[in-house]
Amino acid sequence: KSLLLGFTATPDGRSAKHLKALYKDIVVGPMPIELVDLGLLSPYYHFERKTTDLTTLEKGSNGEFTEKSQEDMFKKKIVYDGVFQDIKKFPYKKCMVFCSSISHAEDIAHQFRAHGYKVACVHSQNPESNFELFQFEDLLSGVDICISVASLTKGYNLVSVDLIILLIATTSLSKYLQVIGRGSRISPFTNKKSFTVIDLGGNGTRHLPWNYEHNWEEL
């Protein structure tokens, strides 16, 4: 007869089906926009670049866009050209790039290095991931871009991150919010006033802005 209490940052019952199975009610905490107004999270700017036809993305049995269709989509030259145009427009101290698969991450890392950027590439098959992540976190290392697949989408906090690049498309509202949240931490010691999202996967159109007040009671 115990009372079961649970805590989640993204209570989307459509994807986290265990929530409605385990819990009968929800108490919604402060929304991101409220935390921004209170000075506890950073305000942000969302830029969505449309470089290719996203309607060709295919969904797997889990309802998410497949890795293969995302790789085919985001490895196109026109997409990379858009990324390198945009990254020059927005000054940043630390940038995180999220991609769809390990193969995609390695390809993106190669493209960035070919353009003269120093990057860390963090994924489960890179034996140097921990060292490269340490370099990224060092403000004096010159490694200011971290390319990741899934391991850093949630629970990773580096307050100096002020640029997020979405080279992914996701049907998951929770994943979308978690990924963007990596840039939302305030950082007074680096004079961070806001963070920027460059979205090449149409995620802002699909899920609305990160600071939108979703009706979690009905999701």
C-alpha atoms as a PDB file:
ATOM      1  CA  LYS A   1       0.000   0.000   0.000  1.00  0.00           C
ATOM      2  CA  SER A   2       2.980   2.297  -0.451  1.00  0.00           C
ATOM      3  CA  LEU A   3       2.734   5.545  -2.393  1.00  0.00           C
ATOM      4  CA  LEU A   4       4.882   5.507  -5.518  1.00  0.00           C
ATOM      5  CA  LEU A   5       6.519   8.821  -6.433  1.00  0.00           C
ATOM      6  CA  GLY A   6       8.534   9.361  -9.605  1.00  0.00           C
ATOM      7  CA  PHE A   7      10.588  12.206 -11.042  1.00  0.00           C
ATOM      8  CA  THR A   8      11.286  12.895 -14.704  1.00  0.00           C
ATOM      9  CA  ALA A   9      12.512  15.856 -16.719  1.00  0.00           C
ATOM     10  CA  THR A  10      10.397  15.006 -19.780  1.00  0.00           C
ATOM     11  CA  PRO A  11       7.072  13.350 -18.826  1.00  0.00           C
ATOM     12  CA  ASP A  12       5.933  12.448 -22.334  1.00  0.00           C
ATOM     13  CA  GLY A  13       3.553   9.537 -21.908  1.00  0.00           C
ATOM     14  CA  ARG A  14       3.493   8.889 -25.658  1.00  0.00           C
ATOM     15  CA  SER A  15       7.077   7.625 -25.678  1.00  0.00           C
ATOM     16  CA  ALA A  16       7.580   6.792 -21.981  1.00  0.00           C
ATOM     17  CA  LYS A  17       4.590   4.473 -21.776  1.00  0.00           C
ATOM     18  CA  HIS A  18       5.566   3.208 -18.320  1.00  0.00           C
ATOM     19  CA  LEU A  19       4.599   6.583 -16.858  1.00  0.00           C
ATOM     20  CA  LYS A  20       0.872   6.127 -17.352  1.00  0.00           C
ATOM     21  CA  ALA A  21       1.144   2.463 -16.365  1.00  0.00           C
ATOM     22  CA  LEU A  22       2.778   3.295 -13.029  1.00  0.00           C
ATOM     23  CA  TYR A  23       1.370   6.701 -12.109  1.00  0.00           C
ATOM     24  CA  LYS A  24      -2.184   8.004 -11.857  1.00  0.00           C
ATOM     25  CA  ASP A  25      -1.473  11.735 -11.721  1.00  0.00           C
ATOM     26  CA  ILE A  26       1.197  14.296 -12.491  1.00  0.00           C
ATOM     27  CA  VAL A  27       2.422  17.432 -10.727  1.00  0.00           C
ATOM     28  CA  VAL A  28       4.106  19.638 -13.324  1.00  0.00           C
ATOM     29  CA  GLY A  29       7.150  21.528 -12.092  1.00  0.00           C
ATOM     30  CA  PRO A  30       8.549  24.789 -13.467  1.00  0.00           C
ATOM     31  CA  MET A  31       8.744  24.954 -17.263  1.00  0.00           C
ATOM     32  CA  PRO A  32      12.015  25.982 -18.977  1.00  0.00           C
ATOM     33  CA  ILE A  33      10.618  29.446 -19.748  1.00  0.00           C
ATOM     34  CA  GLU A  34       9.907  29.947 -16.025  1.00  0.00           C
ATOM     35  CA  LEU A  35      13.428  28.857 -15.110  1.00  0.00           C
ATOM     36  CA  VAL A  36      14.818  31.268 -17.697  1.00  0.00           C
ATOM     37  CA  ASP A  37      12.761  34.111 -16.202  1.00  0.00           C
ATOM     38  CA  LEU A  38      14.096  33.209 -12.754  1.00  0.00           C
ATOM     39  CA  GLY A  39      17.665  33.338 -14.039  1.00  0.00           C
ATOM     40  CA  LEU A  40      18.213  29.606 -13.445  1.00  0.00           C
ATOM     41  CA  LEU A  41      18.491  28.638 -17.114  1.00  0.00           C
ATOM     42  CA  SER A  42      19.827  30.522 -20.112  1.00  0.00           C
ATOM     43  CA  PRO A  43      17.629  32.114 -22.786  1.00  0.00           C
ATOM     44  CA  TYR A  44      18.195  30.829 -26.302  1.00  0.00           C
ATOM     45  CA  TYR A  45      17.845  31.480 -30.024  1.00  0.00           C
ATOM     46  CA  HIS A  46      16.631  28.763 -32.403  1.00  0.00           C
ATOM     47  CA  PHE A  47      17.657  28.842 -36.063  1.00  0.00           C
ATOM     48  CA  GLU A  48      16.252  26.212 -38.392  1.00  0.00           C
ATOM     49  CA  ARG A  49      18.005  25.739 -41.727  1.00  0.00           C
ATOM     50  CA  LYS A  50      16.159  23.866 -44.467  1.00  0.00           C
ATOM     51  CA  THR A  51      18.770  22.389 -46.799  1.00  0.00           C
ATOM     52  CA  THR A  52      17.114  19.190 -47.962  1.00  0.00           C
ATOM     53  CA  ASP A  53      13.771  17.383 -48.220  1.00  0.00           C
ATOM     54  CA  LEU A  54      13.112  15.893 -44.780  1.00  0.00           C
ATOM     55  CA  THR A  55       9.987  14.076 -45.984  1.00  0.00           C
ATOM     56  CA  THR A  56      12.223  11.300 -47.344  1.00  0.00           C
ATOM     57  CA  LEU A  57      13.231  10.279 -43.802  1.00  0.00           C
ATOM     58  CA  GLU A  58      12.003   6.784 -42.944  1.00  0.00           C
ATOM     59  CA  LYS A  59      10.670   5.597 -39.593  1.00  0.00           C
ATOM     60  CA  GLY A  60      11.553   2.310 -37.931  1.00  0.00           C
ATOM     61  CA  SER A  61       9.298   0.035 -35.921  1.00  0.00           C
ATOM     62  CA  ASN A  62       9.868   2.163 -32.817  1.00  0.00           C
ATOM     63  CA  GLY A  63       8.499   5.269 -34.542  1.00  0.00           C
ATOM     64  CA  GLU A  64      11.895   6.993 -34.677  1.00  0.00           C
ATOM     65  CA  PHE A  65      13.644   8.008 -37.882  1.00  0.00           C
ATOM     66  CA  THR A  66      16.105   5.282 -38.890  1.00  0.00           C
ATOM     67  CA  GLU A  67      19.868   5.799 -38.635  1.00  0.00           C
ATOM     68  CA  LYS A  68      20.281   4.839 -42.297  1.00  0.00           C
ATOM     69  CA  SER A  69      17.804   7.389 -43.629  1.00  0.00           C
ATOM     70  CA  GLN A  70      19.339  10.080 -41.402  1.00  0.00           C
ATOM     71  CA  GLU A  71      22.847   9.257 -42.572  1.00  0.00           C
ATOM     72  CA  ASP A  72      21.700   9.457 -46.190  1.00  0.00           C
ATOM     73  CA  MET A  73      20.056  12.794 -45.444  1.00  0.00           C
ATOM     74  CA  PHE A  74      22.665  14.572 -43.341  1.00  0.00           C
ATOM     75  CA  LYS A  75      25.839  13.400 -45.086  1.00  0.00           C
ATOM     76  CA  LYS A  76      24.939  15.433 -48.173  1.00  0.00           C
ATOM     77  CA  LYS A  77      27.339  18.182 -49.195  1.00  0.00           C
ATOM     78  CA  ILE A  78      24.564  20.784 -49.161  1.00  0.00           C
ATOM     79  CA  VAL A  79      23.917  20.013 -45.481  1.00  0.00           C
ATOM     80  CA  TYR A  80      27.584  20.312 -44.494  1.00  0.00           C
ATOM     81  CA  ASP A  81      27.875  23.527 -46.502  1.00  0.00           C
ATOM     82  CA  GLY A  82      24.981  24.920 -44.463  1.00  0.00           C
ATOM     83  CA  VAL A  83      26.628  23.922 -41.201  1.00  0.00           C
ATOM     84  CA  PHE A  84      29.906  25.627 -42.036  1.00  0.00           C
ATOM     85  CA  GLN A  85      28.097  28.754 -43.190  1.00  0.00           C
ATOM     86  CA  ASP A  86      26.094  28.949 -39.982  1.00  0.00           C
ATOM     87  CA  ILE A  87      28.861  28.155 -37.500  1.00  0.00           C
ATOM     88  CA  LYS A  88      30.758  31.222 -38.724  1.00  0.00           C
ATOM     89  CA  LYS A  89      27.751  33.447 -37.988  1.00  0.00           C
ATOM     90  CA  PHE A  90      27.425  32.690 -34.295  1.00  0.00           C
ATOM     91  CA  PRO A  91      30.313  33.293 -31.866  1.00  0.00           C
ATOM     92  CA  TYR A  92      30.638  30.453 -29.347  1.00  0.00           C
ATOM     93  CA  LYS A  93      32.905  29.177 -26.609  1.00  0.00           C
ATOM     94  CA  LYS A  94      31.863  25.515 -26.669  1.00  0.00           C
ATOM     95  CA  CYS A  95      29.745  23.778 -29.305  1.00  0.00           C
ATOM     96  CA  MET A  96      28.063  20.355 -29.189  1.00  0.00           C
ATOM     97  CA  VAL A  97      27.044  18.605 -32.420  1.00  0.00           C
ATOM     98  CA  PHE A  98      24.510  15.777 -32.191  1.00  0.00           C
ATOM     99  CA  CYS A  99      24.250  13.189 -34.949  1.00  0.00           C
ATOM    100  CA  SER A 100      22.397   9.975 -35.721  1.00  0.00           C
ATOM    101  CA  SER A 101      25.001   7.181 -35.561  1.00  0.00           C
ATOM    102  CA  ILE A 102      28.662   6.369 -34.944  1.00  0.00           C
ATOM    103  CA  SER A 103      29.353   6.305 -38.684  1.00  0.00           C
ATOM    104  CA  HIS A 104      27.692   9.694 -38.994  1.00  0.00           C
ATOM    105  CA  ALA A 105      29.729  11.068 -36.060  1.00  0.00           C
ATOM    106  CA  GLU A 106      33.002   9.951 -37.621  1.00  0.00           C
ATOM    107  CA  ASP A 107      32.040  11.506 -40.939  1.00  0.00           C
ATOM    108  CA  ILE A 108      31.100  14.799 -39.299  1.00  0.00           C
ATOM    109  CA  ALA A 109      34.352  14.825 -37.315  1.00  0.00           C
ATOM    110  CA  HIS A 110      36.288  14.289 -40.553  1.00  0.00           C
ATOM    111  CA  GLN A 111      34.432  17.165 -42.227  1.00  0.00           C
ATOM    112  CA  PHE A 112      35.106  19.553 -39.341  1.00  0.00           C
ATOM    113  CA  ARG A 113      38.781  18.623 -39.160  1.00  0.00           C
ATOM    114  CA  ALA A 114      39.106  19.100 -42.910  1.00  0.00           C
ATOM    115  CA  HIS A 115      37.847  22.653 -42.369  1.00  0.00           C
ATOM    116  CA  GLY A 116      40.506  23.281 -39.719  1.00  0.00           C
ATOM    117  CA  TYR A 117      38.433  22.801 -36.573  1.00  0.00           C
ATOM    118  CA  LYS A 118      39.719  20.935 -33.530  1.00  0.00           C
ATOM    119  CA  VAL A 119      37.026  18.530 -32.401  1.00  0.00           C
ATOM    120  CA  ALA A 120      36.337  15.780 -29.890  1.00  0.00           C
ATOM    121  CA  CYS A 121      34.394  12.780 -31.192  1.00  0.00           C
ATOM    122  CA  VAL A 122      32.647  10.963 -28.348  1.00  0.00           C
ATOM    123  CA  HIS A 123      30.966   7.591 -28.865  1.00  0.00           C
ATOM    124  CA  SER A 124      31.128   4.037 -27.560  1.00  0.00           C
ATOM    125  CA  GLN A 125      33.545   2.748 -30.209  1.00  0.00           C
ATOM    126  CA  ASN A 126      36.148   5.473 -29.803  1.00  0.00           C
ATOM    127  CA  PRO A 127      38.756   4.299 -27.230  1.00  0.00           C
ATOM    128  CA  GLU A 128      39.932   7.912 -26.901  1.00  0.00           C
ATOM    129  CA  SER A 129      36.448   9.258 -26.042  1.00  0.00           C
ATOM    130  CA  ASN A 130      37.256  10.066 -22.403  1.00  0.00           C
ATOM    131  CA  PHE A 131      40.458  11.881 -23.305  1.00  0.00           C
ATOM    132  CA  GLU A 132      38.808  13.800 -26.140  1.00  0.00           C
ATOM    133  CA  LEU A 133      35.907  14.783 -23.867  1.00  0.00           C
ATOM    134  CA  PHE A 134      38.436  16.017 -21.292  1.00  0.00           C
ATOM    135  CA  GLN A 135      40.059  18.142 -23.991  1.00  0.00           C
ATOM    136  CA  PHE A 136      36.680  19.574 -24.942  1.00  0.00           C
ATOM    137  CA  GLU A 137      35.956  20.506 -21.338  1.00  0.00           C
ATOM    138  CA  ASP A 138      39.321  22.271 -20.971  1.00  0.00           C
ATOM    139  CA  LEU A 139      38.775  25.949 -21.769  1.00  0.00           C
ATOM    140  CA  LEU A 140      42.409  26.314 -22.832  1.00  0.00           C
ATOM    141  CA  SER A 141      42.758  23.218 -25.044  1.00  0.00           C
ATOM    142  CA  GLY A 142      41.534  24.777 -28.283  1.00  0.00           C
ATOM    143  CA  VAL A 143      39.087  21.875 -28.711  1.00  0.00           C
ATOM    144  CA  ASP A 144      35.815  23.786 -28.765  1.00  0.00           C
ATOM    145  CA  ILE A 145      33.535  21.350 -30.630  1.00  0.00           C
ATOM    146  CA  CYS A 146      32.259  18.007 -29.352  1.00  0.00           C
ATOM    147  CA  ILE A 147      30.534  15.584 -31.726  1.00  0.00           C
ATOM    148  CA  SER A 148      28.323  13.043 -30.003  1.00  0.00           C
ATOM    149  CA  VAL A 149      25.824  10.323 -30.832  1.00  0.00           C
ATOM    150  CA  ALA A 150      23.748   9.407 -27.782  1.00  0.00           C
ATOM    151  CA  SER A 151      25.923   9.240 -24.668  1.00  0.00           C
ATOM    152  CA  LEU A 152      25.806  12.993 -23.984  1.00  0.00           C
ATOM    153  CA  THR A 153      22.175  13.691 -24.846  1.00  0.00           C
ATOM    154  CA  LYS A 154      21.151  13.831 -21.173  1.00  0.00           C
ATOM    155  CA  GLY A 155      22.850  14.147 -17.818  1.00  0.00           C
ATOM    156  CA  TYR A 156      25.898  15.899 -19.263  1.00  0.00           C
ATOM    157  CA  ASN A 157      26.469  19.424 -17.990  1.00  0.00           C
ATOM    158  CA  LEU A 158      29.183  21.734 -19.209  1.00  0.00           C
ATOM    159  CA  VAL A 159      27.993  25.235 -18.395  1.00  0.00           C
ATOM    160  CA  SER A 160      30.167  26.891 -21.047  1.00  0.00           C
ATOM    161  CA  VAL A 161      28.304  25.161 -23.924  1.00  0.00           C
ATOM    162  CA  ASP A 162      26.586  27.958 -25.842  1.00  0.00           C
ATOM    163  CA  LEU A 163      26.030  26.435 -29.299  1.00  0.00           C
ATOM    164  CA  ILE A 164      24.069  23.274 -30.129  1.00  0.00           C
ATOM    165  CA  ILE A 165      23.992  21.904 -33.689  1.00  0.00           C
ATOM    166  CA  LEU A 166      21.280  19.361 -34.464  1.00  0.00           C
ATOM    167  CA  LEU A 167      22.423  17.178 -37.335  1.00  0.00           C
ATOM    168  CA  ILE A 168      19.646  14.813 -36.392  1.00  0.00           C
ATOM    169  CA  ALA A 169      15.919  14.530 -36.865  1.00  0.00           C
ATOM    170  CA  THR A 170      13.920  12.951 -34.058  1.00  0.00           C
ATOM    171  CA  THR A 171      10.275  12.116 -33.497  1.00  0.00           C
ATOM    172  CA  SER A 172      10.895  12.095 -29.728  1.00  0.00           C
ATOM    173  CA  LEU A 173       9.935  15.301 -27.926  1.00  0.00           C
ATOM    174  CA  SER A 174      11.865  14.092 -24.860  1.00  0.00           C
ATOM    175  CA  LYS A 175      15.083  13.556 -26.803  1.00  0.00           C
ATOM    176  CA  TYR A 176      14.698  16.923 -28.529  1.00  0.00           C
ATOM    177  CA  LEU A 177      14.305  18.760 -25.223  1.00  0.00           C
ATOM    178  CA  GLN A 178      17.136  16.859 -23.537  1.00  0.00           C
ATOM    179  CA  VAL A 179      19.603  17.520 -26.353  1.00  0.00           C
ATOM    180  CA  ILE A 180      18.909  21.251 -26.438  1.00  0.00           C
ATOM    181  CA  GLY A 181      19.084  21.340 -22.652  1.00  0.00           C
ATOM    182  CA  ARG A 182      22.834  20.667 -22.855  1.00  0.00           C
ATOM    183  CA  GLY A 183      23.240  24.336 -23.739  1.00  0.00           C
ATOM    184  CA  SER A 184      20.791  25.745 -21.206  1.00  0.00           C
ATOM    185  CA  ARG A 185      22.995  25.921 -18.106  1.00  0.00           C
ATOM    186  CA  ILE A 186      23.914  29.385 -16.919  1.00  0.00           C
ATOM    187  CA  SER A 187      27.610  30.261 -16.764  1.00  0.00           C
ATOM    188  CA  PRO A 188      28.399  33.597 -15.120  1.00  0.00           C
ATOM    189  CA  PHE A 189      32.178  33.030 -15.172  1.00  0.00           C
ATOM    190  CA  THR A 190      32.239  32.813 -18.994  1.00  0.00           C
ATOM    191  CA  ASN A 191      29.879  35.785 -19.429  1.00  0.00           C
ATOM    192  CA  LYS A 192      27.337  33.535 -21.133  1.00  0.00           C
ATOM    193  CA  LYS A 193      24.171  35.514 -21.812  1.00  0.00           C
ATOM    194  CA  SER A 194      22.346  33.036 -24.060  1.00  0.00           C
ATOM    195  CA  PHE A 195      22.853  29.946 -26.190  1.00  0.00           C
ATOM    196  CA  THR A 196      22.059  29.165 -29.807  1.00  0.00           C
ATOM    197  CA  VAL A 197      20.584  26.136 -31.572  1.00  0.00           C
ATOM    198  CA  ILE A 198      21.276  25.487 -35.255  1.00  0.00           C
ATOM    199  CA  ASP A 199      18.663  22.950 -36.313  1.00  0.00           C
ATOM    200  CA  LEU A 200      19.077  21.121 -39.627  1.00  0.00           C
ATOM    201  CA  GLY A 201      16.552  18.381 -38.860  1.00  0.00           C
ATOM    202  CA  GLY A 202      13.318  20.377 -38.758  1.00  0.00           C
ATOM    203  CA  ASN A 203      13.007  19.596 -35.067  1.00  0.00           C
ATOM    204  CA  GLY A 204      11.816  23.047 -34.042  1.00  0.00           C
ATOM    205  CA  THR A 205       8.950  22.838 -36.527  1.00  0.00           C
ATOM    206  CA  ARG A 206       8.168  19.274 -35.429  1.00  0.00           C
ATOM    207  CA  HIS A 207       8.240  19.879 -31.663  1.00  0.00           C
ATOM    208  CA  LEU A 208       7.972  23.678 -31.242  1.00  0.00           C
ATOM    209  CA  PRO A 209      10.650  25.723 -29.433  1.00  0.00           C
ATOM    210  CA  TRP A 210      12.554  24.309 -26.468  1.00  0.00           C
ATOM    211  CA  ASN A 211      10.970  26.897 -24.148  1.00  0.00           C
ATOM    212  CA  TYR A 212       7.397  26.207 -25.301  1.00  0.00           C
ATOM    213  CA  GLU A 213       4.981  25.356 -22.467  1.00  0.00           C
ATOM    214  CA  HIS A 214       3.825  21.842 -23.337  1.00  0.00           C
ATOM    215  CA  ASN A 215       0.651  20.489 -21.783  1.00  0.00           C
ATOM    216  CA  TRP A 216       2.318  17.555 -20.053  1.00  0.00           C
ATOM    217  CA  GLU A 217      -0.928  16.471 -18.372  1.00  0.00           C
ATOM    218  CA  GLU A 218      -2.298  15.428 -21.758  1.00  0.00           C
ATOM    219  CA  LEU A 219       0.834  13.996 -23.380  1.00  0.00           C
END
